[in-house]
Amino acid sequence: YSEEDLLSVALQVSKQARILHKGKIAHRDIKNSNIFYIDGVCGRSFQLAAFGISGTYRVIEFSKRGKEFGKILGTPLYLSPSLFMGDRDSHEKRDVYALGITLACFSIPGGQGEILSQLPENQYQMYKIIWDDELRWILGNKVPNTENRALREIIFSSLSPRENDRPTFDEIVTALR
């Protein structure tokens, strides 16, 4: 992907996710294969899709008390590290983390395969690397330098294992305008 495409993905998906979260809906599976490229009459766009495991905040909180408690939904590489540490970060910040991984996959030559090759196959060891903030530094060195400094900073800050260090979708949209 070109830097222009990467910027478009970041901005358009962030705007779409911002609308979802203002309506108290969490996507819970933002990843490369759930973003569709559309080349239409009105121009190019990137659309967030695949809402199969999305839900309202209220339903998600209710399911935590019910039968689904302890069941983590989503694609492992894109899941917020706090989910595996028993912490409860906000639904929005979980989606922001997934967007950070997604943008890294789009920007690094080799994409998701290259990222996975940097991680051990043992899931416990993989999540320890993520939680210890090593993944962010590994990816930070692989993400090509972009002319848009805000874009690079968003990718890096979105990958923080700590929720409070990640931006909101409002902050991402404001920074990229």
N, C-alpha and C. Protein backbone atom coordinates (compact mmCIF):
# COMPACT_ATOMS: atom_id res chain seq x y z
N TYR A 1 0.84 -1.19 0.00
CA TYR A 1 0.00 0.00 0.00
C TYR A 1 0.88 1.25 0.00
N SER A 2 0.39 2.26 -0.68
CA SER A 2 1.10 3.53 -0.68
C SER A 2 0.80 4.26 0.62
N GLU A 3 1.58 5.27 0.92
CA GLU A 3 1.33 6.07 2.12
C GLU A 3 -0.04 6.74 2.03
N GLU A 4 -0.42 7.16 0.84
CA GLU A 4 -1.74 7.77 0.64
C GLU A 4 -2.86 6.78 0.98
N ASP A 5 -2.72 5.53 0.52
CA ASP A 5 -3.71 4.50 0.83
C ASP A 5 -3.75 4.21 2.33
N LEU A 6 -2.58 4.14 2.94
CA LEU A 6 -2.50 3.88 4.38
C LEU A 6 -3.19 4.99 5.16
N LEU A 7 -2.95 6.21 4.77
CA LEU A 7 -3.61 7.36 5.40
C LEU A 7 -5.12 7.28 5.20
N SER A 8 -5.56 6.92 4.00
CA SER A 8 -7.00 6.78 3.73
C SER A 8 -7.63 5.69 4.59
N VAL A 9 -6.95 4.54 4.70
CA VAL A 9 -7.47 3.45 5.54
C VAL A 9 -7.60 3.95 6.98
N ALA A 10 -6.53 4.56 7.49
CA ALA A 10 -6.54 5.03 8.89
C ALA A 10 -7.67 6.02 9.13
N LEU A 11 -7.80 6.99 8.26
CA LEU A 11 -8.80 8.04 8.46
C LEU A 11 -10.23 7.51 8.25
N GLN A 12 -10.45 6.78 7.16
CA GLN A 12 -11.82 6.32 6.87
C GLN A 12 -12.30 5.28 7.89
N VAL A 13 -11.46 4.33 8.24
CA VAL A 13 -11.86 3.31 9.21
C VAL A 13 -12.04 3.95 10.59
N SER A 14 -11.20 4.91 10.94
CA SER A 14 -11.35 5.60 12.23
C SER A 14 -12.66 6.37 12.29
N LYS A 15 -13.04 7.02 11.19
CA LYS A 15 -14.32 7.73 11.16
C LYS A 15 -15.49 6.76 11.32
N GLN A 16 -15.40 5.62 10.65
CA GLN A 16 -16.47 4.62 10.75
C GLN A 16 -16.55 4.03 12.16
N ALA A 17 -15.39 3.71 12.73
CA ALA A 17 -15.36 3.15 14.09
C ALA A 17 -15.83 4.19 15.11
N ARG A 18 -15.50 5.44 14.88
CA ARG A 18 -15.95 6.51 15.78
C ARG A 18 -17.47 6.56 15.82
N ILE A 19 -18.10 6.43 14.67
CA ILE A 19 -19.58 6.42 14.61
C ILE A 19 -20.12 5.22 15.40
N LEU A 20 -19.52 4.06 15.20
CA LEU A 20 -19.96 2.87 15.94
C LEU A 20 -19.87 3.11 17.45
N HIS A 21 -18.73 3.60 17.90
CA HIS A 21 -18.53 3.76 19.34
C HIS A 21 -19.38 4.88 19.93
N LYS A 22 -19.69 5.90 19.14
CA LYS A 22 -20.62 6.93 19.64
C LYS A 22 -21.99 6.32 19.87
N GLY A 23 -22.31 5.27 19.10
CA GLY A 23 -23.57 4.54 19.29
C GLY A 23 -23.42 3.39 20.27
N LYS A 24 -22.27 3.35 20.96
CA LYS A 24 -21.97 2.31 21.96
C LYS A 24 -21.97 0.90 21.35
N ILE A 25 -21.39 0.80 20.14
CA ILE A 25 -21.23 -0.48 19.45
C ILE A 25 -19.74 -0.72 19.25
N ALA A 26 -19.28 -1.89 19.66
CA ALA A 26 -17.88 -2.27 19.47
C ALA A 26 -17.81 -3.24 18.29
N HIS A 27 -16.86 -3.02 17.40
CA HIS A 27 -16.71 -3.91 16.24
C HIS A 27 -16.13 -5.25 16.68
N ARG A 28 -15.06 -5.25 17.44
CA ARG A 28 -14.39 -6.40 18.04
C ARG A 28 -13.63 -7.29 17.06
N ASP A 29 -13.52 -6.91 15.79
CA ASP A 29 -12.74 -7.72 14.85
C ASP A 29 -12.19 -6.88 13.70
N ILE A 30 -11.66 -5.70 14.04
CA ILE A 30 -11.04 -4.87 13.00
C ILE A 30 -9.74 -5.55 12.60
N LYS A 31 -9.60 -5.82 11.32
CA LYS A 31 -8.39 -6.44 10.78
C LYS A 31 -8.40 -6.25 9.27
N ASN A 32 -7.28 -6.53 8.64
CA ASN A 32 -7.11 -6.29 7.21
C ASN A 32 -8.22 -6.91 6.37
N SER A 33 -8.55 -8.17 6.65
CA SER A 33 -9.53 -8.85 5.81
C SER A 33 -10.95 -8.37 6.05
N ASN A 34 -11.17 -7.51 7.05
CA ASN A 34 -12.50 -6.95 7.29
C ASN A 34 -12.60 -5.49 6.84
N ILE A 35 -11.65 -5.07 6.03
CA ILE A 35 -11.69 -3.74 5.43
C ILE A 35 -11.71 -3.93 3.93
N PHE A 36 -12.78 -3.46 3.31
CA PHE A 36 -12.96 -3.64 1.88
C PHE A 36 -12.58 -2.37 1.13
N TYR A 37 -11.88 -2.57 0.02
CA TYR A 37 -11.51 -1.47 -0.87
C TYR A 37 -12.58 -1.37 -1.94
N ILE A 38 -13.13 -0.17 -2.09
CA ILE A 38 -14.18 0.04 -3.08
C ILE A 38 -13.73 1.14 -4.03
N ASP A 39 -13.70 0.82 -5.32
CA ASP A 39 -13.32 1.79 -6.34
C ASP A 39 -14.59 2.07 -7.15
N GLY A 40 -15.32 3.08 -6.73
CA GLY A 40 -16.63 3.35 -7.34
C GLY A 40 -16.68 4.65 -8.09
N VAL A 41 -17.87 4.99 -8.51
CA VAL A 41 -18.11 6.21 -9.29
C VAL A 41 -17.70 7.45 -8.49
N CYS A 42 -17.91 7.40 -7.20
CA CYS A 42 -17.58 8.55 -6.34
C CYS A 42 -16.14 8.55 -5.85
N GLY A 43 -15.34 7.62 -6.33
CA GLY A 43 -13.94 7.56 -5.94
C GLY A 43 -13.62 6.32 -5.13
N ARG A 44 -12.42 6.31 -4.59
CA ARG A 44 -11.96 5.17 -3.81
C ARG A 44 -12.36 5.33 -2.35
N SER A 45 -12.68 4.19 -1.73
CA SER A 45 -12.95 4.24 -0.30
C SER A 45 -12.61 2.90 0.33
N PHE A 46 -12.42 2.93 1.63
CA PHE A 46 -12.17 1.74 2.43
C PHE A 46 -13.31 1.62 3.42
N GLN A 47 -13.95 0.46 3.42
CA GLN A 47 -15.14 0.26 4.26
C GLN A 47 -14.90 -0.84 5.28
N LEU A 48 -15.21 -0.54 6.52
CA LEU A 48 -15.14 -1.52 7.59
C LEU A 48 -16.34 -2.45 7.46
N ALA A 49 -16.10 -3.75 7.49
CA ALA A 49 -17.17 -4.73 7.28
C ALA A 49 -17.06 -5.85 8.32
N ALA A 50 -17.86 -6.89 8.13
CA ALA A 50 -17.84 -8.10 8.96
C ALA A 50 -18.20 -7.78 10.41
N PHE A 51 -19.46 -7.59 10.65
CA PHE A 51 -19.94 -7.23 11.98
C PHE A 51 -20.49 -8.42 12.75
N GLY A 52 -20.04 -9.62 12.41
CA GLY A 52 -20.56 -10.84 13.01
C GLY A 52 -20.39 -10.95 14.51
N ILE A 53 -19.29 -10.43 15.05
CA ILE A 53 -19.09 -10.53 16.51
C ILE A 53 -19.17 -9.16 17.18
N SER A 54 -19.60 -8.15 16.43
CA SER A 54 -19.77 -6.83 17.04
C SER A 54 -20.97 -6.87 17.98
N GLY A 55 -21.04 -5.90 18.84
CA GLY A 55 -22.17 -5.85 19.75
C GLY A 55 -22.22 -4.52 20.47
N THR A 56 -23.37 -4.25 21.07
CA THR A 56 -23.50 -3.03 21.86
C THR A 56 -22.76 -3.24 23.17
N TYR A 57 -22.32 -2.16 23.74
CA TYR A 57 -21.60 -2.25 25.01
C TYR A 57 -22.43 -3.01 26.04
N ARG A 58 -23.72 -2.72 26.07
CA ARG A 58 -24.60 -3.34 27.08
C ARG A 58 -24.68 -4.85 26.88
N VAL A 59 -24.84 -5.30 25.64
CA VAL A 59 -24.92 -6.74 25.37
C VAL A 59 -23.59 -7.40 25.70
N ILE A 60 -22.48 -6.74 25.36
CA ILE A 60 -21.17 -7.31 25.65
C ILE A 60 -20.98 -7.45 27.16
N GLU A 61 -21.36 -6.42 27.92
CA GLU A 61 -21.23 -6.48 29.38
C GLU A 61 -22.13 -7.57 29.94
N PHE A 62 -23.35 -7.70 29.42
CA PHE A 62 -24.28 -8.73 29.89
C PHE A 62 -23.73 -10.12 29.61
N SER A 63 -23.15 -10.31 28.41
CA SER A 63 -22.64 -11.63 28.05
C SER A 63 -21.45 -12.01 28.93
N LYS A 64 -20.72 -11.01 29.46
CA LYS A 64 -19.62 -11.32 30.36
C LYS A 64 -20.13 -11.95 31.66
N ARG A 65 -21.37 -11.60 32.05
CA ARG A 65 -21.94 -12.16 33.27
C ARG A 65 -22.65 -13.48 32.99
N GLY A 66 -22.89 -13.75 31.72
CA GLY A 66 -23.64 -14.95 31.35
C GLY A 66 -22.74 -16.05 30.82
N LYS A 67 -23.26 -16.81 29.88
CA LYS A 67 -22.57 -18.01 29.39
C LYS A 67 -21.28 -17.71 28.65
N GLU A 68 -21.17 -16.53 28.03
CA GLU A 68 -19.98 -16.24 27.24
C GLU A 68 -18.83 -15.71 28.08
N PHE A 69 -19.03 -15.57 29.39
CA PHE A 69 -17.96 -15.03 30.22
C PHE A 69 -16.70 -15.86 30.07
N GLY A 70 -15.59 -15.20 29.90
CA GLY A 70 -14.33 -15.91 29.74
C GLY A 70 -14.02 -16.27 28.30
N LYS A 71 -14.98 -16.14 27.41
CA LYS A 71 -14.77 -16.45 26.01
C LYS A 71 -14.34 -15.18 25.30
N ILE A 72 -13.14 -15.21 24.71
CA ILE A 72 -12.61 -14.03 24.04
C ILE A 72 -12.91 -14.15 22.56
N LEU A 73 -13.61 -13.17 22.02
CA LEU A 73 -13.98 -13.18 20.61
C LEU A 73 -13.05 -12.27 19.82
N GLY A 74 -12.67 -12.72 18.64
CA GLY A 74 -11.82 -11.92 17.77
C GLY A 74 -10.66 -12.75 17.24
N THR A 75 -9.81 -12.10 16.47
CA THR A 75 -8.64 -12.75 15.87
C THR A 75 -7.43 -12.48 16.78
N PRO A 76 -6.75 -13.53 17.25
CA PRO A 76 -5.72 -13.37 18.29
C PRO A 76 -4.71 -12.25 18.08
N LEU A 77 -4.11 -12.13 16.91
CA LEU A 77 -3.09 -11.11 16.70
C LEU A 77 -3.64 -9.70 16.93
N TYR A 78 -4.92 -9.49 16.67
CA TYR A 78 -5.52 -8.16 16.71
C TYR A 78 -6.17 -7.84 18.05
N LEU A 79 -6.16 -8.78 18.98
CA LEU A 79 -6.82 -8.58 20.27
C LEU A 79 -5.97 -7.74 21.21
N SER A 80 -6.62 -6.86 21.93
CA SER A 80 -5.94 -6.02 22.90
C SER A 80 -5.27 -6.88 23.96
N PRO A 81 -4.01 -6.60 24.28
CA PRO A 81 -3.29 -7.41 25.26
C PRO A 81 -3.97 -7.49 26.61
N SER A 82 -4.68 -6.44 26.98
CA SER A 82 -5.32 -6.43 28.30
C SER A 82 -6.36 -7.54 28.46
N LEU A 83 -6.91 -8.00 27.34
CA LEU A 83 -7.89 -9.09 27.41
C LEU A 83 -7.27 -10.36 27.99
N PHE A 84 -5.99 -10.53 27.74
CA PHE A 84 -5.31 -11.74 28.19
C PHE A 84 -4.71 -11.59 29.58
N MET A 85 -4.74 -10.37 30.09
CA MET A 85 -4.19 -10.12 31.41
C MET A 85 -5.31 -9.94 32.44
N GLY A 86 -6.55 -10.10 32.01
CA GLY A 86 -7.67 -9.97 32.93
C GLY A 86 -8.08 -8.54 33.19
N ASP A 87 -7.46 -7.57 32.51
CA ASP A 87 -7.84 -6.17 32.69
C ASP A 87 -9.06 -5.86 31.84
N ARG A 88 -9.72 -4.80 32.18
CA ARG A 88 -10.91 -4.41 31.44
C ARG A 88 -10.68 -3.04 30.83
N ASP A 89 -10.17 -3.01 29.62
CA ASP A 89 -10.05 -1.71 28.98
C ASP A 89 -11.34 -1.41 28.23
N SER A 90 -11.46 -0.19 27.76
CA SER A 90 -12.70 0.22 27.11
C SER A 90 -12.86 -0.49 25.77
N HIS A 91 -14.08 -0.62 25.35
CA HIS A 91 -14.37 -1.26 24.06
C HIS A 91 -13.70 -0.49 22.92
N GLU A 92 -13.72 0.83 23.01
CA GLU A 92 -13.11 1.64 21.95
C GLU A 92 -11.60 1.40 21.88
N LYS A 93 -10.93 1.37 23.02
CA LYS A 93 -9.48 1.20 23.02
C LYS A 93 -9.08 -0.19 22.52
N ARG A 94 -9.95 -1.18 22.68
CA ARG A 94 -9.68 -2.50 22.10
C ARG A 94 -9.69 -2.40 20.58
N ASP A 95 -10.67 -1.70 20.05
CA ASP A 95 -10.75 -1.53 18.60
C ASP A 95 -9.60 -0.67 18.07
N VAL A 96 -9.15 0.31 18.85
CA VAL A 96 -8.00 1.13 18.45
C VAL A 96 -6.75 0.26 18.35
N TYR A 97 -6.56 -0.64 19.30
CA TYR A 97 -5.40 -1.54 19.25
C TYR A 97 -5.46 -2.37 17.95
N ALA A 98 -6.63 -2.90 17.65
CA ALA A 98 -6.79 -3.70 16.42
C ALA A 98 -6.49 -2.87 15.18
N LEU A 99 -6.90 -1.61 15.19
CA LEU A 99 -6.58 -0.73 14.06
C LEU A 99 -5.07 -0.54 13.95
N GLY A 100 -4.38 -0.40 15.07
CA GLY A 100 -2.92 -0.25 15.04
C GLY A 100 -2.24 -1.44 14.40
N ILE A 101 -2.67 -2.65 14.78
CA ILE A 101 -2.11 -3.86 14.17
C ILE A 101 -2.44 -3.88 12.67
N THR A 102 -3.66 -3.52 12.34
CA THR A 102 -4.11 -3.51 10.94
C THR A 102 -3.24 -2.56 10.11
N LEU A 103 -3.02 -1.36 10.61
CA LEU A 103 -2.20 -0.39 9.88
C LEU A 103 -0.76 -0.87 9.75
N ALA A 104 -0.25 -1.51 10.80
CA ALA A 104 1.10 -2.08 10.71
C ALA A 104 1.16 -3.16 9.63
N CYS A 105 0.12 -4.01 9.59
CA CYS A 105 0.07 -5.06 8.56
C CYS A 105 0.03 -4.47 7.16
N PHE A 106 -0.73 -3.39 6.98
CA PHE A 106 -0.81 -2.74 5.67
C PHE A 106 0.51 -2.08 5.28
N SER A 107 1.28 -1.62 6.27
CA SER A 107 2.46 -0.82 5.94
C SER A 107 3.75 -1.62 5.86
N ILE A 108 3.81 -2.76 6.54
CA ILE A 108 5.04 -3.54 6.57
C ILE A 108 5.08 -4.49 5.38
N PRO A 109 6.16 -4.50 4.62
CA PRO A 109 6.27 -5.48 3.54
C PRO A 109 6.14 -6.89 4.12
N GLY A 110 5.25 -7.68 3.55
CA GLY A 110 5.00 -9.02 4.07
C GLY A 110 3.79 -9.06 4.98
N GLY A 111 3.32 -7.90 5.43
CA GLY A 111 2.09 -7.77 6.20
C GLY A 111 1.98 -8.67 7.42
N GLN A 112 0.81 -9.27 7.57
CA GLN A 112 0.50 -10.09 8.73
C GLN A 112 1.49 -11.25 8.88
N GLY A 113 1.87 -11.86 7.78
CA GLY A 113 2.83 -12.96 7.84
C GLY A 113 4.16 -12.53 8.43
N GLU A 114 4.62 -11.35 8.07
CA GLU A 114 5.88 -10.82 8.62
C GLU A 114 5.75 -10.57 10.11
N ILE A 115 4.62 -10.02 10.53
CA ILE A 115 4.41 -9.76 11.96
C ILE A 115 4.40 -11.08 12.73
N LEU A 116 3.65 -12.05 12.23
CA LEU A 116 3.57 -13.34 12.92
C LEU A 116 4.92 -14.03 12.97
N SER A 117 5.76 -13.82 11.96
CA SER A 117 7.07 -14.45 11.96
C SER A 117 7.97 -13.88 13.06
N GLN A 118 7.62 -12.72 13.58
CA GLN A 118 8.39 -12.09 14.65
C GLN A 118 7.98 -12.60 16.04
N LEU A 119 6.91 -13.38 16.08
CA LEU A 119 6.36 -13.82 17.36
C LEU A 119 6.53 -15.32 17.55
N PRO A 120 6.70 -15.76 18.79
CA PRO A 120 6.80 -17.20 19.04
C PRO A 120 5.45 -17.88 18.80
N GLU A 121 5.47 -19.16 18.47
CA GLU A 121 4.22 -19.88 18.23
C GLU A 121 3.44 -20.12 19.52
N ASN A 122 4.14 -20.24 20.64
CA ASN A 122 3.50 -20.44 21.93
C ASN A 122 2.70 -19.18 22.27
N GLN A 123 1.37 -19.32 22.46
CA GLN A 123 0.53 -18.14 22.68
C GLN A 123 0.91 -17.40 23.95
N TYR A 124 1.26 -18.11 25.02
CA TYR A 124 1.63 -17.42 26.25
C TYR A 124 2.85 -16.53 26.00
N GLN A 125 3.85 -17.07 25.32
CA GLN A 125 5.05 -16.28 25.03
C GLN A 125 4.73 -15.12 24.10
N MET A 126 3.83 -15.36 23.13
CA MET A 126 3.44 -14.30 22.21
C MET A 126 2.80 -13.14 22.96
N TYR A 127 1.85 -13.45 23.87
CA TYR A 127 1.18 -12.38 24.59
C TYR A 127 2.09 -11.72 25.62
N LYS A 128 3.08 -12.43 26.11
CA LYS A 128 4.06 -11.82 27.01
C LYS A 128 4.87 -10.77 26.24
N ILE A 129 5.26 -11.08 25.02
CA ILE A 129 5.98 -10.11 24.18
C ILE A 129 5.11 -8.88 23.93
N ILE A 130 3.84 -9.13 23.65
CA ILE A 130 2.92 -8.01 23.40
C ILE A 130 2.76 -7.18 24.67
N TRP A 131 2.48 -7.85 25.80
CA TRP A 131 2.23 -7.13 27.04
C TRP A 131 3.47 -6.39 27.52
N ASP A 132 4.64 -6.98 27.34
CA ASP A 132 5.88 -6.32 27.76
C ASP A 132 6.27 -5.18 26.82
N ASP A 133 5.43 -4.90 25.87
CA ASP A 133 5.60 -3.77 24.94
C ASP A 133 6.72 -4.01 23.93
N GLU A 134 7.18 -5.25 23.79
CA GLU A 134 8.22 -5.55 22.81
C GLU A 134 7.69 -5.51 21.39
N LEU A 135 6.43 -5.95 21.19
CA LEU A 135 5.87 -5.98 19.83
C LEU A 135 5.82 -4.59 19.23
N ARG A 136 5.43 -3.61 20.03
CA ARG A 136 5.33 -2.24 19.53
C ARG A 136 6.69 -1.77 19.03
N TRP A 137 7.76 -2.13 19.73
CA TRP A 137 9.10 -1.71 19.31
C TRP A 137 9.57 -2.50 18.10
N ILE A 138 9.23 -3.79 18.05
CA ILE A 138 9.58 -4.60 16.88
C ILE A 138 8.91 -4.01 15.64
N LEU A 139 7.60 -3.75 15.74
CA LEU A 139 6.86 -3.22 14.59
C LEU A 139 7.27 -1.78 14.29
N GLY A 140 7.54 -1.02 15.34
CA GLY A 140 7.95 0.37 15.14
C GLY A 140 9.20 0.47 14.28
N ASN A 141 10.07 -0.51 14.40
CA ASN A 141 11.28 -0.52 13.58
C ASN A 141 11.02 -1.03 12.17
N LYS A 142 9.90 -1.72 11.96
CA LYS A 142 9.59 -2.27 10.64
C LYS A 142 8.67 -1.37 9.81
N VAL A 143 7.86 -0.56 10.49
CA VAL A 143 6.96 0.34 9.76
C VAL A 143 7.81 1.36 9.03
N PRO A 144 7.64 1.44 7.71
CA PRO A 144 8.47 2.37 6.94
C PRO A 144 8.25 3.81 7.41
N ASN A 145 9.30 4.61 7.31
CA ASN A 145 9.14 6.03 7.63
C ASN A 145 8.14 6.64 6.66
N THR A 146 7.22 7.38 7.21
CA THR A 146 6.24 8.04 6.37
C THR A 146 6.47 9.54 6.47
N GLU A 147 6.07 10.24 5.43
CA GLU A 147 6.17 11.70 5.47
C GLU A 147 5.17 12.25 6.46
N ASN A 148 4.07 11.53 6.65
CA ASN A 148 3.04 11.96 7.59
C ASN A 148 3.41 11.46 8.99
N ARG A 149 4.01 12.33 9.76
CA ARG A 149 4.49 11.97 11.10
C ARG A 149 3.33 11.54 12.01
N ALA A 150 2.17 12.19 11.86
CA ALA A 150 1.00 11.85 12.68
C ALA A 150 0.57 10.41 12.44
N LEU A 151 0.64 9.96 11.21
CA LEU A 151 0.25 8.59 10.88
C LEU A 151 1.16 7.59 11.57
N ARG A 152 2.44 7.82 11.50
CA ARG A 152 3.40 6.92 12.16
C ARG A 152 3.18 6.90 13.67
N GLU A 153 2.95 8.06 14.26
CA GLU A 153 2.71 8.15 15.71
C GLU A 153 1.42 7.43 16.09
N ILE A 154 0.41 7.51 15.25
CA ILE A 154 -0.85 6.83 15.55
C ILE A 154 -0.65 5.32 15.53
N ILE A 155 0.08 4.83 14.55
CA ILE A 155 0.35 3.39 14.51
C ILE A 155 1.07 2.97 15.78
N PHE A 156 2.10 3.72 16.15
CA PHE A 156 2.91 3.37 17.31
C PHE A 156 2.10 3.46 18.61
N SER A 157 1.37 4.55 18.82
CA SER A 157 0.63 4.72 20.07
C SER A 157 -0.56 3.77 20.17
N SER A 158 -1.15 3.41 19.04
CA SER A 158 -2.28 2.47 19.05
C SER A 158 -1.86 1.09 19.52
N LEU A 159 -0.59 0.76 19.37
CA LEU A 159 -0.09 -0.56 19.74
C LEU A 159 0.37 -0.66 21.19
N SER A 160 0.15 0.39 21.95
CA SER A 160 0.54 0.32 23.36
C SER A 160 -0.27 -0.75 24.08
N PRO A 161 0.37 -1.56 24.92
CA PRO A 161 -0.39 -2.55 25.67
C PRO A 161 -1.27 -1.90 26.74
N ARG A 162 -0.99 -0.65 27.07
CA ARG A 162 -1.76 0.05 28.09
C ARG A 162 -2.80 0.96 27.45
N GLU A 163 -4.03 0.74 27.86
CA GLU A 163 -5.17 1.46 27.29
C GLU A 163 -4.99 2.97 27.32
N ASN A 164 -4.55 3.52 28.42
CA ASN A 164 -4.46 4.97 28.56
C ASN A 164 -3.45 5.60 27.62
N ASP A 165 -2.54 4.80 27.07
CA ASP A 165 -1.55 5.32 26.13
C ASP A 165 -2.05 5.31 24.69
N ARG A 166 -3.19 4.67 24.46
CA ARG A 166 -3.74 4.61 23.09
C ARG A 166 -4.67 5.80 22.85
N PRO A 167 -4.68 6.31 21.62
CA PRO A 167 -5.60 7.41 21.30
C PRO A 167 -7.04 6.90 21.16
N THR A 168 -7.98 7.82 21.17
CA THR A 168 -9.37 7.49 20.85
C THR A 168 -9.54 7.65 19.34
N PHE A 169 -10.66 7.20 18.81
CA PHE A 169 -10.91 7.41 17.38
C PHE A 169 -11.08 8.88 17.07
N ASP A 170 -11.66 9.66 17.98
CA ASP A 170 -11.75 11.12 17.79
C ASP A 170 -10.35 11.72 17.63
N GLU A 171 -9.43 11.31 18.50
CA GLU A 171 -8.06 11.84 18.44
C GLU A 171 -7.36 11.43 17.14
N ILE A 172 -7.60 10.22 16.70
CA ILE A 172 -6.99 9.76 15.43
C ILE A 172 -7.51 10.58 14.27
N VAL A 173 -8.82 10.78 14.20
CA VAL A 173 -9.42 11.54 13.10
C VAL A 173 -8.89 12.98 13.12
N THR A 174 -8.83 13.59 14.29
CA THR A 174 -8.34 14.97 14.41
C THR A 174 -6.88 15.06 13.95
N ALA A 175 -6.06 14.12 14.36
CA ALA A 175 -4.63 14.14 14.00
C ALA A 175 -4.39 13.94 12.51
N LEU A 176 -5.26 13.20 11.85
CA LEU A 176 -5.03 12.86 10.45
C LEU A 176 -5.70 13.83 9.47
N ARG A 177 -6.49 14.73 9.94
CA ARG A 177 -7.15 15.67 9.02
C ARG A 177 -6.19 16.63 8.42
